[in-house]
Amino acid sequence: MQQIVIDANEADQRLDKFLHKFMPLAPSSFFYKMLRKKNITLNGKKAEGKEKLTKGDTLCLYLSDETISNFRMSGVRTEEYEEAYRKLIGIHVVYEDEHVVIVNKPAGVLSQRAEKEDLSVNEWLIGYLLHTGAIKREQLSTFKPSVCNRLDRNTMGLVIGAKSLAGSQKMSSLLKSRGVRKFYRMFVKGQVVKEELLEGRLLKDEENNKSYLVKGESGGQGAYIKTRYYPVKRFSDRTLVEAELITGKPHQLRIHMADIGHPVLGDYKYGDRGWNEQYKRKMRINSQLLCACRLEFPKLEDSFEGLSGKVIEVPLPKEFQMLMQMS
C-alpha cells in the first residue's frame, strides 16, 4: 500500500487527472476499476474519480509496489532543465514569490520550445527552481512549473512563469481576461506624431508561419486584435514608440505597425528590409527592436497580495540605449 498526501501543487484538480499524472502508463479503465473496488481510496472512502482534490487529502493505493512501478515512468529526468539553466545565459529574475516568477528574457531565446530538442525559458524556469530548491525532482511527476505568456524568439522582455498550480491558474485567468496590462517599447520607421488605437483581425498562413491583417473589428475570419500606441521620442528617421498590447496574438505589434507604415526596426518578416539593412551595417542590429518592458497588475487578494497593483518594469536593452544617443 502507498499513501499520498496531496500538497498545494496537486490540489484543485480532479482525482482521475491526478492519478493519470502519477501513473501515466496506466489506462483510464484501470483507475476506474481500482476506484470501484476500493483499491484506491480518498480520505479512507470510496471515490469515483471526479472529486476535486484539496490540500491535505489522503490517497491510499492498495496496489503492489510492482504494479505502481510498472505504471509509472522510470523516473523524472531533469537533465534538460539543468542544461537549459546552465546554457541559456542572460535570463534574469525580476520578481519572485511563492507562486510566480517573472523573468527578463533576452532576444534569441524561445519562451516555449517549438521542437523537442529546443531549450526555452520553460525548461530554464524548471532548472532554476530545482537549483534554488523551490521544487524537488519528485514533484515534477504531478506538476511542472511553466511560462504563462509567450514572446517571439527575438522579442526581449518580461515573461511570467508559474511555480505553483495556484500561480498557473491565477496568471492564466488574468491573462485571458486581460487583467494584466502589457506594454512594449520599439523603434519604428518614420515619424509617429499621435496616439492611436488599432484594430483588425489576423489570418494565419501556417505553411509560411506568417500572419496577415484584415481590417474591421467584428465578423469575418481570424483572431481579433487590438493595439494602442503613442510616440515617446522622435529621431531623424525613426520614433521610439510605446504600445499597449490589449489583445495578445503572435506577431500582433509587428503586423499592426507595418500596416500603418511604421514597421519595427530589425523586423525582417513584416518590416522594411532596405531600412533594416542600413542599421544592420551601421549598428549590427539583426533582429526586431521590440521589448516587453512593463506589466501592470490589478488589485489582487489573499496569496497574490504581493502582486496587487504592482508595476514591474525592466530597463530598455543596450541596443535601445545606443539608438537613444543618436539623432
Protein backbone atom coordinates (compact mmCIF):
# COMPACT_ATOMS: atom_id res chain seq x y z
CA MET A 1 0.00 0.00 0.00
CA GLN A 2 1.19 3.52 -0.82
CA GLN A 3 -0.16 6.64 0.83
CA ILE A 4 -0.09 10.06 -0.86
CA VAL A 5 -0.86 13.32 0.93
CA ILE A 6 -1.95 15.99 -1.55
CA ASP A 7 0.10 19.20 -1.43
CA ALA A 8 -0.73 22.67 -2.75
CA ASN A 9 0.57 21.97 -6.27
CA GLU A 10 -1.54 18.83 -6.54
CA ALA A 11 -4.77 20.33 -5.19
CA ASP A 12 -7.62 21.89 -7.20
CA GLN A 13 -7.70 19.14 -9.82
CA ARG A 14 -9.86 16.08 -10.32
CA LEU A 15 -8.75 12.85 -8.70
CA ASP A 16 -8.68 10.96 -12.01
CA LYS A 17 -6.44 13.65 -13.55
CA PHE A 18 -4.01 13.37 -10.66
CA LEU A 19 -3.92 9.57 -10.97
CA HIS A 20 -3.10 9.86 -14.68
CA LYS A 21 -0.16 12.12 -13.84
CA PHE A 22 1.03 9.86 -11.04
CA MET A 23 0.80 6.67 -13.13
CA PRO A 24 0.85 7.91 -16.75
CA LEU A 25 1.25 4.43 -18.27
CA ALA A 26 -1.99 3.10 -16.77
CA PRO A 27 -5.18 3.15 -18.87
CA SER A 28 -8.23 5.03 -17.60
CA SER A 29 -10.11 1.75 -17.25
CA PHE A 30 -7.57 0.59 -14.66
CA PHE A 31 -8.16 3.61 -12.43
CA TYR A 32 -11.94 3.34 -12.54
CA LYS A 33 -11.78 -0.37 -11.80
CA MET A 34 -9.48 0.21 -8.81
CA LEU A 35 -11.69 3.04 -7.54
CA ARG A 36 -14.80 0.87 -7.90
CA LYS A 37 -13.15 -1.99 -5.97
CA LYS A 38 -11.81 0.45 -3.31
CA ASN A 39 -8.22 -0.43 -4.16
CA ILE A 40 -7.77 3.33 -4.45
CA THR A 41 -9.49 5.40 -1.76
CA LEU A 42 -9.76 9.11 -0.99
CA ASN A 43 -9.62 10.02 2.70
CA GLY A 44 -10.47 6.42 3.59
CA LYS A 45 -13.65 6.35 1.48
CA LYS A 46 -14.71 5.05 -1.90
CA ALA A 47 -14.28 7.62 -4.70
CA GLU A 48 -15.48 7.93 -8.28
CA GLY A 49 -12.57 9.91 -9.77
CA LYS A 50 -14.38 13.17 -10.44
CA GLU A 51 -13.81 14.52 -6.91
CA LYS A 52 -11.77 17.72 -6.69
CA LEU A 53 -8.66 17.30 -4.56
CA THR A 54 -7.80 19.72 -1.76
CA LYS A 55 -4.56 20.23 0.11
CA GLY A 56 -4.18 17.62 2.85
CA ASP A 57 -6.37 14.97 1.20
CA THR A 58 -5.01 11.44 1.62
CA LEU A 59 -4.98 8.87 -1.15
CA CYS A 60 -4.38 5.24 -0.34
CA LEU A 61 -3.30 2.97 -3.17
CA TYR A 62 -3.82 -0.69 -2.16
CA LEU A 63 -1.62 -1.86 -5.02
CA SER A 64 1.63 -3.75 -5.10
CA ASP A 65 4.86 -1.79 -5.47
CA GLU A 66 5.43 -3.68 -8.72
CA THR A 67 2.08 -2.58 -10.17
CA ILE A 68 2.71 1.05 -9.26
CA SER A 69 6.25 0.91 -10.63
CA ASN A 70 5.07 -0.62 -13.94
CA PHE A 71 2.56 2.17 -14.50
CA ARG A 72 4.93 4.98 -13.57
CA MET A 73 7.69 6.42 -15.73
CA SER A 74 11.19 5.18 -14.96
CA GLY A 75 11.76 8.46 -13.14
CA VAL A 76 11.58 12.16 -13.82
CA ARG A 77 14.62 13.15 -15.85
CA THR A 78 15.94 16.62 -15.12
CA GLU A 79 18.92 16.79 -17.48
CA GLU A 80 17.17 19.07 -19.99
CA TYR A 81 16.15 21.50 -17.23
CA GLU A 82 19.63 21.57 -15.78
CA GLU A 83 21.09 22.05 -19.26
CA ALA A 84 18.71 24.95 -20.00
CA TYR A 85 19.58 26.66 -16.71
CA ARG A 86 23.27 26.26 -17.50
CA LYS A 87 23.21 27.24 -21.17
CA LEU A 88 20.58 29.95 -21.51
CA ILE A 89 22.64 32.90 -20.37
CA GLY A 90 21.06 36.29 -19.86
CA ILE A 91 17.69 35.34 -18.35
CA HIS A 92 17.24 37.35 -15.15
CA VAL A 93 14.63 37.03 -12.41
CA VAL A 94 12.99 40.41 -11.73
CA TYR A 95 10.21 39.27 -9.37
CA GLU A 96 9.52 36.11 -7.37
CA ASP A 97 7.09 34.97 -4.68
CA GLU A 98 5.66 31.60 -3.64
CA HIS A 99 3.51 31.34 -6.79
CA VAL A 100 5.10 33.40 -9.55
CA VAL A 101 8.50 34.04 -11.14
CA ILE A 102 8.82 36.90 -13.64
CA VAL A 103 11.94 36.97 -15.78
CA ASN A 104 13.56 39.30 -18.28
CA LYS A 105 14.17 37.29 -21.47
CA PRO A 106 16.90 38.31 -23.92
CA ALA A 107 16.45 38.22 -27.70
CA GLY A 108 17.22 34.88 -29.33
CA VAL A 109 15.64 32.69 -26.62
CA LEU A 110 12.34 30.86 -27.09
CA SER A 111 9.61 31.27 -24.46
CA GLN A 112 8.44 27.70 -25.12
CA ARG A 113 10.13 25.14 -27.28
CA ALA A 114 8.96 24.63 -30.86
CA GLU A 115 10.82 21.34 -31.38
CA LYS A 116 11.55 18.51 -28.96
CA GLU A 117 15.26 19.31 -28.84
CA ASP A 118 14.78 23.05 -28.14
CA LEU A 119 15.72 24.69 -24.87
CA SER A 120 13.46 27.55 -23.81
CA VAL A 121 12.51 29.76 -20.87
CA ASN A 122 10.10 26.98 -19.90
CA GLU A 123 12.93 24.49 -19.32
CA TRP A 124 15.14 27.21 -17.80
CA LEU A 125 12.40 28.02 -15.26
CA ILE A 126 12.23 24.43 -14.01
CA GLY A 127 16.03 24.25 -13.91
CA TYR A 128 16.16 27.48 -11.91
CA LEU A 129 13.56 26.24 -9.38
CA LEU A 130 15.41 22.93 -8.99
CA HIS A 131 18.66 24.85 -8.48
CA THR A 132 17.18 27.10 -5.78
CA GLY A 133 15.36 24.20 -4.08
CA ALA A 134 11.91 25.75 -4.65
CA ILE A 135 10.78 22.43 -6.14
CA LYS A 136 12.01 18.86 -5.79
CA ARG A 137 12.67 16.42 -8.59
CA GLU A 138 9.93 14.00 -7.50
CA GLN A 139 7.30 16.78 -7.55
CA LEU A 140 7.68 17.13 -11.30
CA SER A 141 5.74 13.92 -11.90
CA THR A 142 2.46 15.59 -10.90
CA PHE A 143 3.12 19.31 -11.57
CA LYS A 144 5.56 21.14 -13.83
CA PRO A 145 6.10 24.90 -13.48
CA SER A 146 5.67 26.69 -16.80
CA VAL A 147 5.59 30.07 -18.52
CA CYS A 148 2.16 31.72 -18.79
CA ASN A 149 2.75 34.17 -21.65
CA ARG A 150 4.91 33.95 -24.74
CA LEU A 151 7.20 36.36 -26.51
CA ASP A 152 8.59 35.83 -30.00
CA ARG A 153 12.11 34.38 -30.02
CA ASN A 154 13.65 37.76 -30.90
CA THR A 155 11.42 39.90 -28.68
CA MET A 156 13.05 40.87 -25.39
CA GLY A 157 11.44 41.44 -22.03
CA LEU A 158 9.08 40.19 -19.37
CA VAL A 159 7.81 36.62 -19.24
CA ILE A 160 5.55 35.41 -16.41
CA GLY A 161 6.24 31.94 -15.04
CA ALA A 162 4.10 29.94 -12.61
CA LYS A 163 5.94 27.99 -9.93
CA SER A 164 2.75 26.58 -8.35
CA LEU A 165 -0.56 25.25 -9.61
CA ALA A 166 -2.35 28.17 -7.92
CA GLY A 167 0.02 30.57 -9.68
CA SER A 168 -0.60 28.92 -13.03
CA GLN A 169 -4.37 29.11 -12.63
CA LYS A 170 -4.34 32.72 -11.42
CA MET A 171 -1.96 34.05 -14.08
CA SER A 172 -3.78 32.18 -16.86
CA SER A 173 -7.07 33.67 -15.69
CA LEU A 174 -5.64 37.20 -15.51
CA LEU A 175 -4.05 36.96 -18.95
CA LYS A 176 -7.20 35.53 -20.52
CA SER A 177 -9.39 38.27 -19.02
CA ARG A 178 -6.78 40.94 -19.90
CA GLY A 179 -6.42 41.78 -16.23
CA VAL A 180 -2.67 42.25 -16.66
CA ARG A 181 -1.78 45.27 -18.80
CA LYS A 182 1.21 44.59 -21.10
CA PHE A 183 3.34 47.41 -22.52
CA TYR A 184 6.06 47.26 -25.17
CA ARG A 185 8.62 49.70 -26.49
CA MET A 186 10.03 49.60 -30.01
CA PHE A 187 11.81 51.68 -32.59
CA VAL A 188 9.73 52.10 -35.73
CA LYS A 189 10.38 53.72 -39.10
CA GLY A 190 9.36 57.31 -39.67
CA GLN A 191 7.74 60.00 -37.55
CA VAL A 192 4.90 58.93 -35.27
CA VAL A 193 3.10 62.06 -34.10
CA LYS A 194 -0.02 60.95 -32.21
CA GLU A 195 -1.61 58.26 -30.09
CA GLU A 196 -3.81 55.82 -31.99
CA LEU A 197 -5.92 52.73 -31.42
CA LEU A 198 -5.57 49.96 -34.00
CA GLU A 199 -7.97 47.09 -34.57
CA GLY A 200 -8.34 44.25 -37.05
CA ARG A 201 -8.24 40.50 -37.47
CA LEU A 202 -5.30 38.20 -38.06
CA LEU A 203 -5.31 35.39 -40.59
CA LYS A 204 -2.52 32.83 -40.13
CA ASP A 205 -0.61 31.27 -43.01
CA GLU A 206 0.55 28.11 -41.24
CA GLU A 207 2.76 26.97 -44.11
CA ASN A 208 4.86 30.15 -44.07
CA ASN A 209 4.43 30.92 -40.34
CA LYS A 210 3.21 34.38 -41.25
CA SER A 211 0.02 36.27 -40.40
CA TYR A 212 -1.97 38.81 -42.39
CA LEU A 213 -4.12 41.69 -41.20
CA VAL A 214 -7.76 42.06 -42.19
CA LYS A 215 -9.36 45.39 -41.24
CA GLY A 216 -12.53 45.52 -39.15
CA GLU A 217 -13.44 44.82 -35.54
CA SER A 218 -16.06 42.10 -35.83
CA GLY A 219 -17.21 39.39 -38.18
CA GLY A 220 -15.20 37.52 -40.74
CA GLN A 221 -12.35 35.14 -40.18
CA GLY A 222 -9.26 35.35 -37.99
CA ALA A 223 -8.46 36.39 -34.45
CA TYR A 224 -9.50 39.87 -33.31
CA ILE A 225 -6.57 42.10 -32.30
CA LYS A 226 -6.39 45.49 -30.63
CA THR A 227 -3.33 47.70 -30.01
CA ARG A 228 -2.92 51.20 -28.54
CA TYR A 229 0.32 53.06 -29.27
CA TYR A 230 1.83 56.52 -28.88
CA PRO A 231 5.18 58.23 -29.59
CA VAL A 232 7.75 58.59 -26.81
CA LYS A 233 10.58 60.33 -28.69
CA ARG A 234 11.19 61.15 -32.35
CA PHE A 235 14.54 60.97 -34.17
CA SER A 236 15.60 61.72 -37.76
CA ASP A 237 14.25 58.56 -39.42
CA ARG A 238 12.65 56.69 -36.53
CA THR A 239 10.44 57.02 -33.46
CA LEU A 240 10.61 55.33 -30.08
CA VAL A 241 7.05 54.11 -29.54
CA GLU A 242 5.27 52.59 -26.56
CA ALA A 243 2.36 50.26 -27.25
CA GLU A 244 -0.17 48.52 -25.04
CA LEU A 245 -0.99 45.04 -26.26
CA ILE A 246 -4.70 44.93 -25.45
CA THR A 247 -5.15 41.54 -27.06
CA GLY A 248 -2.20 39.17 -27.26
CA LYS A 249 -1.69 37.36 -30.55
CA PRO A 250 1.59 36.24 -32.17
CA HIS A 251 3.27 38.96 -34.26
CA GLN A 252 0.42 41.40 -33.45
CA LEU A 253 2.52 44.52 -32.82
CA ARG A 254 4.83 43.90 -35.76
CA ILE A 255 1.90 43.44 -38.16
CA HIS A 256 -0.08 46.42 -36.87
CA MET A 257 2.88 48.81 -37.05
CA ALA A 258 3.91 47.62 -40.52
CA ASP A 259 0.34 48.05 -41.75
CA ILE A 260 0.29 51.76 -40.84
CA GLY A 261 3.65 52.42 -42.47
CA HIS A 262 5.77 52.35 -39.31
CA PRO A 263 7.45 48.90 -39.35
CA VAL A 264 9.55 47.82 -36.38
CA LEU A 265 13.28 48.30 -36.82
CA GLY A 266 15.03 44.97 -37.40
CA ASP A 267 11.85 43.08 -38.33
CA TYR A 268 12.67 41.15 -41.49
CA LYS A 269 9.38 39.25 -41.66
CA TYR A 270 6.97 42.21 -41.80
CA GLY A 271 9.27 45.22 -41.93
CA ASP A 272 11.34 47.27 -44.38
CA ARG A 273 14.32 45.17 -45.48
CA GLY A 274 16.29 48.05 -47.01
CA TRP A 275 15.96 50.21 -43.89
CA ASN A 276 16.84 47.24 -41.68
CA GLU A 277 19.98 46.56 -43.72
CA GLN A 278 21.22 50.12 -43.14
CA TYR A 279 21.06 49.62 -39.38
CA LYS A 280 22.49 46.13 -39.65
CA ARG A 281 25.59 47.55 -41.37
CA LYS A 282 25.89 50.58 -39.09
CA MET A 283 24.98 49.10 -35.71
CA ARG A 284 24.81 45.30 -36.17
CA ILE A 285 21.09 45.18 -35.42
CA ASN A 286 19.99 41.73 -36.56
CA SER A 287 16.52 41.32 -35.08
CA GLN A 288 13.46 43.38 -34.22
CA LEU A 289 13.92 46.06 -31.56
CA LEU A 290 10.83 45.14 -29.59
CA CYS A 291 10.85 44.92 -25.80
CA ALA A 292 8.07 43.80 -23.43
CA CYS A 293 9.10 46.41 -20.90
CA ARG A 294 6.25 46.73 -18.38
CA LEU A 295 3.49 44.73 -16.69
CA GLU A 296 0.76 46.35 -14.61
CA PHE A 297 -1.19 44.05 -12.30
CA PRO A 298 -4.71 44.71 -10.98
CA LYS A 299 -5.72 44.65 -7.34
CA LEU A 300 -5.31 41.10 -6.03
CA GLU A 301 -6.06 39.41 -2.72
CA ASP A 302 -5.02 36.53 -0.50
CA SER A 303 -1.77 34.83 -1.51
CA PHE A 304 -1.35 37.15 -4.51
CA GLU A 305 -1.26 40.38 -2.49
CA GLY A 306 2.44 40.78 -3.31
CA LEU A 307 1.47 41.44 -6.94
CA SER A 308 -1.58 43.56 -6.09
CA GLY A 309 -1.41 46.81 -8.06
CA LYS A 310 2.27 46.16 -8.77
CA VAL A 311 4.05 47.65 -11.78
CA ILE A 312 7.01 45.58 -12.95
CA GLU A 313 9.35 47.26 -15.40
CA VAL A 314 12.73 46.50 -16.93
CA PRO A 315 15.21 48.99 -18.41
CA LEU A 316 15.49 49.11 -22.19
CA PRO A 317 18.22 46.86 -23.63
CA LYS A 318 21.58 48.19 -24.75
CA GLU A 319 20.53 48.33 -28.43
CA PHE A 320 17.78 50.77 -27.47
CA GLN A 321 20.17 52.80 -25.34
CA MET A 322 22.60 53.14 -28.27
CA LEU A 323 19.88 54.41 -30.58
CA MET A 324 18.68 56.87 -27.94
CA GLN A 325 22.10 58.56 -28.16
CA MET A 326 21.89 59.02 -31.94
CA SER A 327 19.99 61.75 -33.78
